[in-house]
PDB file of N, CA and C in Angstrom:
ATOM      1  N   UNK A   1       4.868  35.826  16.745  1.00  0.00           N
ATOM      2  CA  UNK A   1       4.540  36.130  15.161  1.00  0.00           C
ATOM      3  C   UNK A   1       5.297  37.529  14.969  1.00  0.00           C
ATOM      4  N   UNK A   2       5.251  37.291  13.786  1.00  0.00           N
ATOM      5  CA  UNK A   2       6.523  39.000  13.652  1.00  0.00           C
ATOM      6  C   UNK A   2       5.497  39.972  12.977  1.00  0.00           C
ATOM      7  N   UNK A   3       5.633  41.159  13.141  1.00  0.00           N
ATOM      8  CA  UNK A   3       4.617  42.204  12.447  1.00  0.00           C
ATOM      9  C   UNK A   3       4.002  42.214  11.453  1.00  0.00           C
ATOM     10  N   UNK A   4       4.640  41.443   9.991  1.00  0.00           N
ATOM     11  CA  UNK A   4       4.414  41.145   8.788  1.00  0.00           C
ATOM     12  C   UNK A   4       3.371  40.188   8.607  1.00  0.00           C
ATOM     13  N   UNK A   5       2.796  39.581   9.697  1.00  0.00           N
ATOM     14  CA  UNK A   5       2.203  37.880   9.900  1.00  0.00           C
ATOM     15  C   UNK A   5       0.982  39.316  10.604  1.00  0.00           C
ATOM     16  N   UNK A   6       1.085  39.710  11.404  1.00  0.00           N
ATOM     17  CA  UNK A   6       0.125  40.393  12.393  1.00  0.00           C
ATOM     18  C   UNK A   6      -0.546  41.496  11.008  1.00  0.00           C
ATOM     19  N   UNK A   7       0.175  42.114  10.334  1.00  0.00           N
ATOM     20  CA  UNK A   7      -0.242  43.149   9.111  1.00  0.00           C
ATOM     21  C   UNK A   7      -1.334  41.736   7.960  1.00  0.00           C
ATOM     22  N   UNK A   8      -0.515  41.015   7.966  1.00  0.00           N
ATOM     23  CA  UNK A   8      -1.538  39.814   6.669  1.00  0.00           C
ATOM     24  C   UNK A   8      -2.632  39.893   7.764  1.00  0.00           C
ATOM     25  N   UNK A   9      -2.478  39.442   9.004  1.00  0.00           N
ATOM     26  CA  UNK A   9      -4.012  39.061   9.205  1.00  0.00           C
ATOM     27  C   UNK A   9      -5.515  39.794   9.606  1.00  0.00           C
ATOM     28  N   UNK A  10      -4.606  41.281  10.151  1.00  0.00           N
ATOM     29  CA  UNK A  10      -5.241  42.314   9.937  1.00  0.00           C
ATOM     30  C   UNK A  10      -5.818  42.523   8.985  1.00  0.00           C
ATOM     31  N   UNK A  11      -5.468  42.404   7.823  1.00  0.00           N
ATOM     32  CA  UNK A  11      -5.911  42.839   6.464  1.00  0.00           C
ATOM     33  C   UNK A  11      -6.831  41.763   5.917  1.00  0.00           C
ATOM     34  N   UNK A  12      -6.897  40.758   6.026  1.00  0.00           N
ATOM     35  CA  UNK A  12      -8.023  39.690   5.815  1.00  0.00           C
ATOM     36  C   UNK A  12      -9.198  39.992   6.055  1.00  0.00           C
ATOM     37  N   UNK A  13     -10.334  40.018   4.788  1.00  0.00           N
ATOM     38  CA  UNK A  13     -11.500  40.083   4.700  1.00  0.00           C
ATOM     39  C   UNK A  13     -12.187  39.910   5.214  1.00  0.00           C
ATOM     40  N   UNK A  14     -13.405  40.790   5.926  1.00  0.00           N
ATOM     41  CA  UNK A  14     -14.045  40.051   7.232  1.00  0.00           C
ATOM     42  C   UNK A  14     -15.273  39.033   6.777  1.00  0.00           C
ATOM     43  N   UNK A  15     -15.164  38.429   5.717  1.00  0.00           N
ATOM     44  CA  UNK A  15     -15.923  37.335   5.431  1.00  0.00           C
ATOM     45  C   UNK A  15     -14.858  36.197   5.349  1.00  0.00           C
ATOM     46  N   UNK A  16     -14.007  36.303   5.526  1.00  0.00           N
ATOM     47  CA  UNK A  16     -12.702  35.140   5.143  1.00  0.00           C
ATOM     48  C   UNK A  16     -12.004  34.843   6.809  1.00  0.00           C
ATOM     49  N   UNK A  17     -12.097  36.202   7.487  1.00  0.00           N
ATOM     50  CA  UNK A  17     -11.469  36.112   8.737  1.00  0.00           C
ATOM     51  C   UNK A  17     -12.138  34.731   9.553  1.00  0.00           C
ATOM     52  N   UNK A  18     -13.129  34.837   9.820  1.00  0.00           N
ATOM     53  CA  UNK A  18     -13.597  33.558  10.790  1.00  0.00           C
ATOM     54  C   UNK A  18     -13.134  32.432  10.559  1.00  0.00           C
ATOM     55  N   UNK A  19     -12.707  31.980   9.369  1.00  0.00           N
ATOM     56  CA  UNK A  19     -12.341  30.667   8.726  1.00  0.00           C
ATOM     57  C   UNK A  19     -10.650  30.401   8.771  1.00  0.00           C
ATOM     58  N   UNK A  20     -10.163  31.761   8.763  1.00  0.00           N
ATOM     59  CA  UNK A  20      -8.702  31.614   8.928  1.00  0.00           C
ATOM     60  C   UNK A  20      -8.283  31.653  10.627  1.00  0.00           C
ATOM     61  N   UNK A  21      -9.077  32.607  11.075  1.00  0.00           N
ATOM     62  CA  UNK A  21      -8.970  32.176  12.693  1.00  0.00           C
ATOM     63  C   UNK A  21      -9.254  31.129  13.431  1.00  0.00           C
ATOM     64  N   UNK A  22     -10.347  30.022  12.561  1.00  0.00           N
ATOM     65  CA  UNK A  22     -10.497  28.938  13.002  1.00  0.00           C
ATOM     66  C   UNK A  22      -8.920  27.952  12.762  1.00  0.00           C
ATOM     67  N   UNK A  23      -8.358  28.047  11.279  1.00  0.00           N
ATOM     68  CA  UNK A  23      -7.227  27.247  11.146  1.00  0.00           C
ATOM     69  C   UNK A  23      -6.303  27.627  12.043  1.00  0.00           C
ATOM     70  N   UNK A  24      -6.195  29.195  12.034  1.00  0.00           N
ATOM     71  CA  UNK A  24      -4.778  29.521  12.628  1.00  0.00           C
ATOM     72  C   UNK A  24      -4.947  29.218  14.192  1.00  0.00           C
ATOM     73  N   UNK A  25      -6.013  28.934  14.340  1.00  0.00           N
ATOM     74  CA  UNK A  25      -6.048  28.963  16.383  1.00  0.00           C
ATOM     75  C   UNK A  25      -5.739  26.983  16.181  1.00  0.00           C
ATOM     76  N   UNK A  26      -6.456  26.514  15.485  1.00  0.00           N
ATOM     77  CA  UNK A  26      -5.972  24.763  15.418  1.00  0.00           C
ATOM     78  C   UNK A  26      -4.577  24.601  15.221  1.00  0.00           C
ATOM     79  N   UNK A  27      -4.140  25.439  14.309  1.00  0.00           N
ATOM     80  CA  UNK A  27      -2.767  25.038  13.906  1.00  0.00           C
ATOM     81  C   UNK A  27      -1.969  24.829  15.391  1.00  0.00           C
ATOM     82  N   UNK A  28      -1.702  26.769  15.757  1.00  0.00           N
ATOM     83  CA  UNK A  28      -1.225  26.635  17.481  1.00  0.00           C
ATOM     84  C   UNK A  28      -1.715  26.055  18.469  1.00  0.00           C
ATOM     85  N   UNK A  29      -2.578  25.509  18.640  1.00  0.00           N
ATOM     86  CA  UNK A  29      -3.212  24.459  19.448  1.00  0.00           C
ATOM     87  C   UNK A  29      -2.554  23.000  19.566  1.00  0.00           C
ATOM     88  N   UNK A  30      -2.519  22.531  18.279  1.00  0.00           N
ATOM     89  CA  UNK A  30      -1.619  21.611  18.051  1.00  0.00           C
ATOM     90  C   UNK A  30      -0.139  21.576  17.944  1.00  0.00           C
ATOM     91  N   UNK A  31       0.226  22.314  17.748  1.00  0.00           N
ATOM     92  CA  UNK A  31       2.039  22.898  17.745  1.00  0.00           C
ATOM     93  C   UNK A  31       2.001  24.587  18.142  1.00  0.00           C
ATOM     94  N   UNK A  32       1.794  24.577  19.604  1.00  0.00           N
ATOM     95  CA  UNK A  32       2.239  25.738  20.116  1.00  0.00           C
ATOM     96  C   UNK A  32       3.819  26.634  19.864  1.00  0.00           C
ATOM     97  N   UNK A  33       4.457  25.527  19.679  1.00  0.00           N
ATOM     98  CA  UNK A  33       5.869  25.923  19.379  1.00  0.00           C
ATOM     99  C   UNK A  33       5.880  26.200  17.886  1.00  0.00           C
ATOM    100  N   UNK A  34       4.941  26.086  16.892  1.00  0.00           N
ATOM    101  CA  UNK A  34       5.308  26.651  15.655  1.00  0.00           C
ATOM    102  C   UNK A  34       5.682  27.984  15.640  1.00  0.00           C
ATOM    103  N   UNK A  35       6.521  28.410  14.893  1.00  0.00           N
ATOM    104  CA  UNK A  35       7.245  29.805  14.537  1.00  0.00           C
ATOM    105  C   UNK A  35       6.127  29.989  13.589  1.00  0.00           C
ATOM    106  N   UNK A  36       5.921  31.245  13.405  1.00  0.00           N
ATOM    107  CA  UNK A  36       4.970  31.855  12.749  1.00  0.00           C
ATOM    108  C   UNK A  36       4.901  32.543  11.781  1.00  0.00           C
ATOM    109  N   UNK A  37       5.575  32.645  10.670  1.00  0.00           N
ATOM    110  CA  UNK A  37       6.136  33.903   9.753  1.00  0.00           C
ATOM    111  C   UNK A  37       5.595  34.032   8.702  1.00  0.00           C
ATOM    112  N   UNK A  38       6.060  35.308   7.564  1.00  0.00           N
ATOM    113  CA  UNK A  38       5.269  35.331   6.435  1.00  0.00           C
ATOM    114  C   UNK A  38       6.423  34.783   5.609  1.00  0.00           C
ATOM    115  N   UNK A  39       5.896  33.851   4.694  1.00  0.00           N
ATOM    116  CA  UNK A  39       6.730  33.247   3.614  1.00  0.00           C
ATOM    117  C   UNK A  39       5.700  33.295   2.366  1.00  0.00           C
ATOM    118  N   UNK A  40       6.620  33.695   1.218  1.00  0.00           N
ATOM    119  CA  UNK A  40       5.612  33.639  -0.002  1.00  0.00           C
ATOM    120  C   UNK A  40       4.739  34.788   0.268  1.00  0.00           C
ATOM    121  N   UNK A  41       4.554  35.570   1.132  1.00  0.00           N
ATOM    122  CA  UNK A  41       3.667  36.474   1.188  1.00  0.00           C
ATOM    123  C   UNK A  41       2.462  36.321   1.792  1.00  0.00           C
ATOM    124  N   UNK A  42       2.627  34.545   2.569  1.00  0.00           N
ATOM    125  CA  UNK A  42       1.137  34.210   3.207  1.00  0.00           C
ATOM    126  C   UNK A  42       1.673  33.614   4.928  1.00  0.00           C
ATOM    127  N   UNK A  43       1.229  33.598   5.698  1.00  0.00           N
ATOM    128  CA  UNK A  43       1.566  33.204   7.050  1.00  0.00           C
ATOM    129  C   UNK A  43       1.680  31.560   6.913  1.00  0.00           C
ATOM    130  N   UNK A  44       3.067  31.387   7.574  1.00  0.00           N
ATOM    131  CA  UNK A  44       3.905  30.023   7.333  1.00  0.00           C
ATOM    132  C   UNK A  44       4.433  29.445   8.662  1.00  0.00           C
ATOM    133  N   UNK A  45       3.667  28.068   9.108  1.00  0.00           N
ATOM    134  CA  UNK A  45       4.179  27.820  10.199  1.00  0.00           C
ATOM    135  C   UNK A  45       5.194  26.539  10.298  1.00  0.00           C
ATOM    136  N   UNK A  46       6.223  27.033  11.207  1.00  0.00           N
ATOM    137  CA  UNK A  46       7.192  26.403  11.190  1.00  0.00           C
ATOM    138  C   UNK A  46       7.055  25.607  11.972  1.00  0.00           C
ATOM    139  N   UNK A  47       7.891  23.922  11.853  1.00  0.00           N
ATOM    140  CA  UNK A  47       8.400  23.580  12.990  1.00  0.00           C
ATOM    141  C   UNK A  47       9.201  22.366  12.514  1.00  0.00           C
ATOM    142  N   UNK A  48      10.747  23.003  12.954  1.00  0.00           N
ATOM    143  CA  UNK A  48      11.802  22.028  12.766  1.00  0.00           C
ATOM    144  C   UNK A  48      12.044  22.312  10.946  1.00  0.00           C
ATOM    145  N   UNK A  49      11.897  21.182  10.122  1.00  0.00           N
ATOM    146  CA  UNK A  49      11.586  21.571   8.633  1.00  0.00           C
ATOM    147  C   UNK A  49      10.899  21.479   8.372  1.00  0.00           C
ATOM    148  N   UNK A  50       9.478  21.284   8.844  1.00  0.00           N
ATOM    149  CA  UNK A  50       8.399  21.027   8.199  1.00  0.00           C
ATOM    150  C   UNK A  50       7.827  22.516   8.103  1.00  0.00           C
ATOM    151  N   UNK A  51       6.916  22.456   6.972  1.00  0.00           N
ATOM    152  CA  UNK A  51       6.195  24.029   6.858  1.00  0.00           C
ATOM    153  C   UNK A  51       4.728  23.645   6.248  1.00  0.00           C
ATOM    154  N   UNK A  52       3.767  24.522   7.001  1.00  0.00           N
ATOM    155  CA  UNK A  52       2.311  24.567   6.746  1.00  0.00           C
ATOM    156  C   UNK A  52       2.028  25.941   6.110  1.00  0.00           C
ATOM    157  N   UNK A  53       1.843  25.936   5.224  1.00  0.00           N
ATOM    158  CA  UNK A  53       1.050  27.504   4.453  1.00  0.00           C
ATOM    159  C   UNK A  53      -0.053  27.587   4.675  1.00  0.00           C
ATOM    160  N   UNK A  54      -0.603  28.676   5.080  1.00  0.00           N
ATOM    161  CA  UNK A  54      -2.231  28.687   5.298  1.00  0.00           C
ATOM    162  C   UNK A  54      -2.477  30.034   4.586  1.00  0.00           C
ATOM    163  N   UNK A  55      -2.935  30.623   3.531  1.00  0.00           N
ATOM    164  CA  UNK A  55      -3.488  31.650   2.616  1.00  0.00           C
ATOM    165  C   UNK A  55      -4.697  31.675   2.669  1.00  0.00           C
ATOM    166  N   UNK A  56      -4.785  33.130   2.457  1.00  0.00           N
ATOM    167  CA  UNK A  56      -6.407  33.661   2.512  1.00  0.00           C
ATOM    168  C   UNK A  56      -6.446  34.228   0.615  1.00  0.00           C
ATOM    169  N   UNK A  57      -7.605  33.952   0.026  1.00  0.00           N
ATOM    170  CA  UNK A  57      -7.609  34.556  -1.324  1.00  0.00           C
ATOM    171  C   UNK A  57      -9.048  34.392  -1.564  1.00  0.00           C
ATOM    172  N   UNK A  58      -9.363  34.898  -2.884  1.00  0.00           N
ATOM    173  CA  UNK A  58     -10.954  35.311  -3.064  1.00  0.00           C
ATOM    174  C   UNK A  58     -11.714  34.187  -2.685  1.00  0.00           C
ATOM    175  N   UNK A  59     -11.747  32.878  -2.684  1.00  0.00           N
ATOM    176  CA  UNK A  59     -12.330  31.968  -2.489  1.00  0.00           C
ATOM    177  C   UNK A  59     -12.595  31.776  -0.900  1.00  0.00           C
ATOM    178  N   UNK A  60     -11.480  31.764  -0.466  1.00  0.00           N
ATOM    179  CA  UNK A  60     -11.651  31.420   1.379  1.00  0.00           C
ATOM    180  C   UNK A  60     -10.164  31.331   1.819  1.00  0.00           C
ATOM    181  N   UNK A  61      -9.736  30.059   2.336  1.00  0.00           N
ATOM    182  CA  UNK A  61      -8.382  29.765   2.617  1.00  0.00           C
ATOM    183  C   UNK A  61      -7.894  28.459   2.159  1.00  0.00           C
ATOM    184  N   UNK A  62      -6.843  28.754   2.015  1.00  0.00           N
ATOM    185  CA  UNK A  62      -6.006  27.623   1.060  1.00  0.00           C
ATOM    186  C   UNK A  62      -4.468  27.096   2.155  1.00  0.00           C
ATOM    187  N   UNK A  63      -4.643  25.580   2.260  1.00  0.00           N
ATOM    188  CA  UNK A  63      -3.644  25.145   3.089  1.00  0.00           C
ATOM    189  C   UNK A  63      -2.620  24.553   2.157  1.00  0.00           C
ATOM    190  N   UNK A  64      -1.889  23.986   2.282  1.00  0.00           N
ATOM    191  CA  UNK A  64      -0.368  23.722   1.630  1.00  0.00           C
ATOM    192  C   UNK A  64       0.615  23.519   2.272  1.00  0.00           C
ATOM    193  N   UNK A  65       1.631  22.527   1.526  1.00  0.00           N
ATOM    194  CA  UNK A  65       3.104  22.705   2.295  1.00  0.00           C
ATOM    195  C   UNK A  65       3.641  21.173   2.648  1.00  0.00           C
ATOM    196  N   UNK A  66       2.361  20.325   3.200  1.00  0.00           N
ATOM    197  CA  UNK A  66       2.851  19.216   3.696  1.00  0.00           C
ATOM    198  C   UNK A  66       3.744  18.378   2.381  1.00  0.00           C
ATOM    199  N   UNK A  67       4.123  17.514   3.252  1.00  0.00           N
ATOM    200  CA  UNK A  67       4.750  16.383   2.469  1.00  0.00           C
ATOM    201  C   UNK A  67       3.772  15.634   2.095  1.00  0.00           C
ATOM    202  N   UNK A  68       4.048  14.765   1.052  1.00  0.00           N
ATOM    203  CA  UNK A  68       3.198  13.551   0.298  1.00  0.00           C
ATOM    204  C   UNK A  68       3.235  12.683   1.339  1.00  0.00           C
ATOM    205  N   UNK A  69       1.841  12.211   1.445  1.00  0.00           N
ATOM    206  CA  UNK A  69       1.461  11.220   2.745  1.00  0.00           C
ATOM    207  C   UNK A  69       1.190  11.857   4.076  1.00  0.00           C
ATOM    208  N   UNK A  70       1.591  13.201   4.069  1.00  0.00           N
ATOM    209  CA  UNK A  70       1.564  13.631   5.367  1.00  0.00           C
ATOM    210  C   UNK A  70       0.272  14.586   5.640  1.00  0.00           C
ATOM    211  N   UNK A  71      -0.785  14.326   5.313  1.00  0.00           N
ATOM    212  CA  UNK A  71      -2.423  15.466   5.319  1.00  0.00           C
ATOM    213  C   UNK A  71      -3.357  14.748   6.320  1.00  0.00           C
ATOM    214  N   UNK A  72      -2.453  13.416   6.871  1.00  0.00           N
ATOM    215  CA  UNK A  72      -3.476  12.626   8.245  1.00  0.00           C
ATOM    216  C   UNK A  72      -4.828  12.091   7.477  1.00  0.00           C
ATOM    217  N   UNK A  73      -4.571  11.822   6.192  1.00  0.00           N
ATOM    218  CA  UNK A  73      -5.954  11.215   5.534  1.00  0.00           C
ATOM    219  C   UNK A  73      -7.145  12.327   5.070  1.00  0.00           C
ATOM    220  N   UNK A  74      -6.743  13.313   5.192  1.00  0.00           N
ATOM    221  CA  UNK A  74      -7.965  14.620   4.899  1.00  0.00           C
ATOM    222  C   UNK A  74      -7.814  14.237   3.415  1.00  0.00           C
ATOM    223  N   UNK A  75      -7.016  14.792   2.603  1.00  0.00           N
ATOM    224  CA  UNK A  75      -7.654  14.408   0.850  1.00  0.00           C
ATOM    225  C   UNK A  75      -8.197  13.337   0.644  1.00  0.00           C
ATOM    226  N   UNK A  76      -7.797  12.301   1.314  1.00  0.00           N
ATOM    227  CA  UNK A  76      -8.847  10.993   1.000  1.00  0.00           C
ATOM    228  C   UNK A  76     -10.289  10.764   1.432  1.00  0.00           C
ATOM    229  N   UNK A  77     -10.309  11.611   2.721  1.00  0.00           N
ATOM    230  CA  UNK A  77     -11.771  11.849   2.941  1.00  0.00           C
ATOM    231  C   UNK A  77     -12.159  12.850   2.323  1.00  0.00           C
ATOM    232  N   UNK A  78     -11.605  14.119   1.591  1.00  0.00           N
ATOM    233  CA  UNK A  78     -12.234  14.987   1.568  1.00  0.00           C
ATOM    234  C   UNK A  78     -11.590  15.577  -0.092  1.00  0.00           C
ATOM    235  N   UNK A  79     -11.476  14.502  -1.210  1.00  0.00           N
ATOM    236  CA  UNK A  79     -11.099  14.561  -2.424  1.00  0.00           C
ATOM    237  C   UNK A  79     -11.253  16.083  -3.114  1.00  0.00           C
ATOM    238  N   UNK A  80     -12.655  16.484  -2.733  1.00  0.00           N
ATOM    239  CA  UNK A  80     -13.186  17.889  -3.847  1.00  0.00           C
ATOM    240  C   UNK A  80     -12.732  18.831  -2.995  1.00  0.00           C
ATOM    241  N   UNK A  81     -11.907  18.884  -2.164  1.00  0.00           N
ATOM    242  CA  UNK A  81     -11.377  19.989  -1.555  1.00  0.00           C
ATOM    243  C   UNK A  81      -9.772  20.124  -1.991  1.00  0.00           C
ATOM    244  N   UNK A  82      -9.199  19.089  -2.452  1.00  0.00           N
ATOM    245  CA  UNK A  82      -7.707  19.431  -3.209  1.00  0.00           C
ATOM    246  C   UNK A  82      -7.651  19.641  -4.513  1.00  0.00           C
ATOM    247  N   UNK A  83      -6.713  20.783  -5.008  1.00  0.00           N
ATOM    248  CA  UNK A  83      -6.380  20.905  -6.208  1.00  0.00           C
ATOM    249  C   UNK A  83      -5.568  19.925  -6.861  1.00  0.00           C
ATOM    250  N   UNK A  84      -5.371  20.028  -8.124  1.00  0.00           N
ATOM    251  CA  UNK A  84      -4.158  19.534  -8.639  1.00  0.00           C
ATOM    252  C   UNK A  84      -2.909  19.737  -8.041  1.00  0.00           C
ATOM    253  N   UNK A  85      -2.805  20.770  -7.657  1.00  0.00           N
ATOM    254  CA  UNK A  85      -1.393  21.215  -7.147  1.00  0.00           C
ATOM    255  C   UNK A  85      -1.317  20.922  -5.895  1.00  0.00           C
ATOM    256  N   UNK A  86      -2.204  19.742  -4.972  1.00  0.00           N
ATOM    257  CA  UNK A  86      -2.013  19.658  -4.103  1.00  0.00           C
ATOM    258  C   UNK A  86      -2.476  20.441  -2.936  1.00  0.00           C
ATOM    259  N   UNK A  87      -3.204  21.552  -3.280  1.00  0.00           N
ATOM    260  CA  UNK A  87      -3.400  22.558  -1.809  1.00  0.00           C
ATOM    261  C   UNK A  87      -4.807  22.163  -1.694  1.00  0.00           C
ATOM    262  N   UNK A  88      -5.243  22.342  -0.720  1.00  0.00           N
ATOM    263  CA  UNK A  88      -6.628  21.935   0.005  1.00  0.00           C
ATOM    264  C   UNK A  88      -7.173  23.475  -0.004  1.00  0.00           C
ATOM    265  N   UNK A  89      -8.354  23.357  -0.782  1.00  0.00           N
ATOM    266  CA  UNK A  89      -9.202  25.076  -0.969  1.00  0.00           C
ATOM    267  C   UNK A  89     -10.479  24.792  -0.270  1.00  0.00           C
ATOM    268  N   UNK A  90     -10.350  25.634   0.679  1.00  0.00           N
ATOM    269  CA  UNK A  90     -11.802  25.847   1.892  1.00  0.00           C
ATOM    270  C   UNK A  90     -12.267  27.134   1.954  1.00  0.00           C
ATOM    271  N   UNK A  91     -13.829  26.512   1.127  1.00  0.00           N
ATOM    272  CA  UNK A  91     -14.610  27.794   1.213  1.00  0.00           C
ATOM    273  C   UNK A  91     -15.110  27.683   2.389  1.00  0.00           C
ATOM    274  N   UNK A  92     -15.884  28.936   2.825  1.00  0.00           N
ATOM    275  CA  UNK A  92     -16.681  28.809   4.062  1.00  0.00           C
ATOM    276  C   UNK A  92     -17.500  27.812   3.911  1.00  0.00           C
ATOM    277  N   UNK A  93     -18.619  27.819   2.926  1.00  0.00           N
ATOM    278  CA  UNK A  93     -19.546  26.632   3.023  1.00  0.00           C
ATOM    279  C   UNK A  93     -18.917  25.216   2.827  1.00  0.00           C
ATOM    280  N   UNK A  94     -17.610  24.756   2.481  1.00  0.00           N
ATOM    281  CA  UNK A  94     -17.010  23.899   2.598  1.00  0.00           C
ATOM    282  C   UNK A  94     -16.116  23.535   4.018  1.00  0.00           C
ATOM    283  N   UNK A  95     -15.932  24.276   4.431  1.00  0.00           N
ATOM    284  CA  UNK A  95     -15.094  24.313   6.070  1.00  0.00           C
ATOM    285  C   UNK A  95     -16.058  23.855   7.270  1.00  0.00           C
ATOM    286  N   UNK A  96     -17.628  24.143   6.982  1.00  0.00           N
ATOM    287  CA  UNK A  96     -18.749  23.743   7.541  1.00  0.00           C
ATOM    288  C   UNK A  96     -18.726  22.631   7.752  1.00  0.00           C
ATOM    289  N   UNK A  97     -18.301  21.842   6.950  1.00  0.00           N
ATOM    290  CA  UNK A  97     -18.697  20.196   6.782  1.00  0.00           C
ATOM    291  C   UNK A  97     -17.418  19.787   7.143  1.00  0.00           C
ATOM    292  N   UNK A  98     -16.376  20.248   7.676  1.00  0.00           N
ATOM    293  CA  UNK A  98     -15.196  19.777   7.953  1.00  0.00           C
ATOM    294  C   UNK A  98     -14.696  19.706   9.621  1.00  0.00           C
ATOM    295  N   UNK A  99     -14.886  18.858  10.219  1.00  0.00           N
ATOM    296  CA  UNK A  99     -14.752  19.140  11.454  1.00  0.00           C
ATOM    297  C   UNK A  99     -13.073  19.461  12.331  1.00  0.00           C
ATOM    298  N   UNK A 100     -13.060  20.101  13.203  1.00  0.00           N
ATOM    299  CA  UNK A 100     -11.767  20.436  13.868  1.00  0.00           C
ATOM    300  C   UNK A 100     -10.951  18.988  14.106  1.00  0.00           C
ATOM    301  N   UNK A 101     -11.212  18.343  14.532  1.00  0.00           N
ATOM    302  CA  UNK A 101     -10.714  17.222  14.520  1.00  0.00           C
ATOM    303  C   UNK A 101     -10.215  16.620  13.019  1.00  0.00           C
ATOM    304  N   UNK A 102     -10.904  16.610  12.065  1.00  0.00           N
ATOM    305  CA  UNK A 102     -10.000  16.479  10.720  1.00  0.00           C
ATOM    306  C   UNK A 102      -8.700  17.676  10.507  1.00  0.00           C
ATOM    307  N   UNK A 103      -8.877  18.820  10.979  1.00  0.00           N
ATOM    308  CA  UNK A 103      -7.952  19.593  10.618  1.00  0.00           C
ATOM    309  C   UNK A 103      -7.065  19.536  11.605  1.00  0.00           C
ATOM    310  N   UNK A 104      -7.214  19.504  12.807  1.00  0.00           N
ATOM    311  CA  UNK A 104      -5.897  18.660  13.830  1.00  0.00           C
ATOM    312  C   UNK A 104      -5.120  17.798  13.555  1.00  0.00           C
ATOM    313  N   UNK A 105      -5.861  16.491  12.944  1.00  0.00           N
ATOM    314  CA  UNK A 105      -5.077  15.720  12.492  1.00  0.00           C
ATOM    315  C   UNK A 105      -4.173  16.027  10.926  1.00  0.00           C
ATOM    316  N   UNK A 106      -4.799  16.832  10.371  1.00  0.00           N
ATOM    317  CA  UNK A 106      -3.676  17.121   9.040  1.00  0.00           C
ATOM    318  C   UNK A 106      -2.726  18.294   9.812  1.00  0.00           C
ATOM    319  N   UNK A 107      -2.997  19.091  10.647  1.00  0.00           N
ATOM    320  CA  UNK A 107      -1.679  19.846  11.325  1.00  0.00           C
ATOM    321  C   UNK A 107      -0.610  18.489  12.088  1.00  0.00           C
ATOM    322  N   UNK A 108      -1.220  17.981  12.702  1.00  0.00           N
ATOM    323  CA  UNK A 108      -0.354  16.831  13.198  1.00  0.00           C
ATOM    324  C   UNK A 108       0.653  15.907  12.101  1.00  0.00           C
ATOM    325  N   UNK A 109      -0.169  15.259  11.245  1.00  0.00           N
ATOM    326  CA  UNK A 109       0.653  14.895  10.129  1.00  0.00           C
ATOM    327  C   UNK A 109       1.636  15.837   9.415  1.00  0.00           C
ATOM    328  N   UNK A 110       0.978  17.057   9.266  1.00  0.00           N
ATOM    329  CA  UNK A 110       1.907  17.866   8.281  1.00  0.00           C
ATOM    330  C   UNK A 110       3.279  18.162   9.184  1.00  0.00           C
ATOM    331  N   UNK A 111       2.802  18.813  10.043  1.00  0.00           N
ATOM    332  CA  UNK A 111       4.025  19.492  11.126  1.00  0.00           C
ATOM    333  C   UNK A 111       4.410  18.486  12.296  1.00  0.00           C
ATOM    334  N   UNK A 112       3.989  17.147  12.734  1.00  0.00           N
ATOM    335  CA  UNK A 112       4.566  16.778  13.386  1.00  0.00           C
ATOM    336  C   UNK A 112       4.061  16.772  14.762  1.00  0.00           C
ATOM    337  N   UNK A 113       3.573  15.858  15.789  1.00  0.00           N
ATOM    338  CA  UNK A 113       3.296  16.044  17.213  1.00  0.00           C
ATOM    339  C   UNK A 113       1.953  15.486  17.191  1.00  0.00           C
TER     340      UNK A 113
END
């Protein structure tokens, strides 16, 4: 992880840091080989040609960047969390209802593995 990513993570507001840390940890658990870089101003997990972007915004954490059909069924199970642009928007209160296994499945489908 480069300094730009560390700076981004260090600047995350305290109310969103636990959710970001959860998602970040699960991505690296599933794909410890993922390169973590800053792309489009947010942490990006790269494995080969695949990318998964995880950004922190006012609402919470957004996850996007997977190819159509590579979300492990996540958006079918949680259609209320998907925006019209294909982004998954996780507010802390929404994330409490999403299990770690579901997020791991999303990561596996998006990044392979």
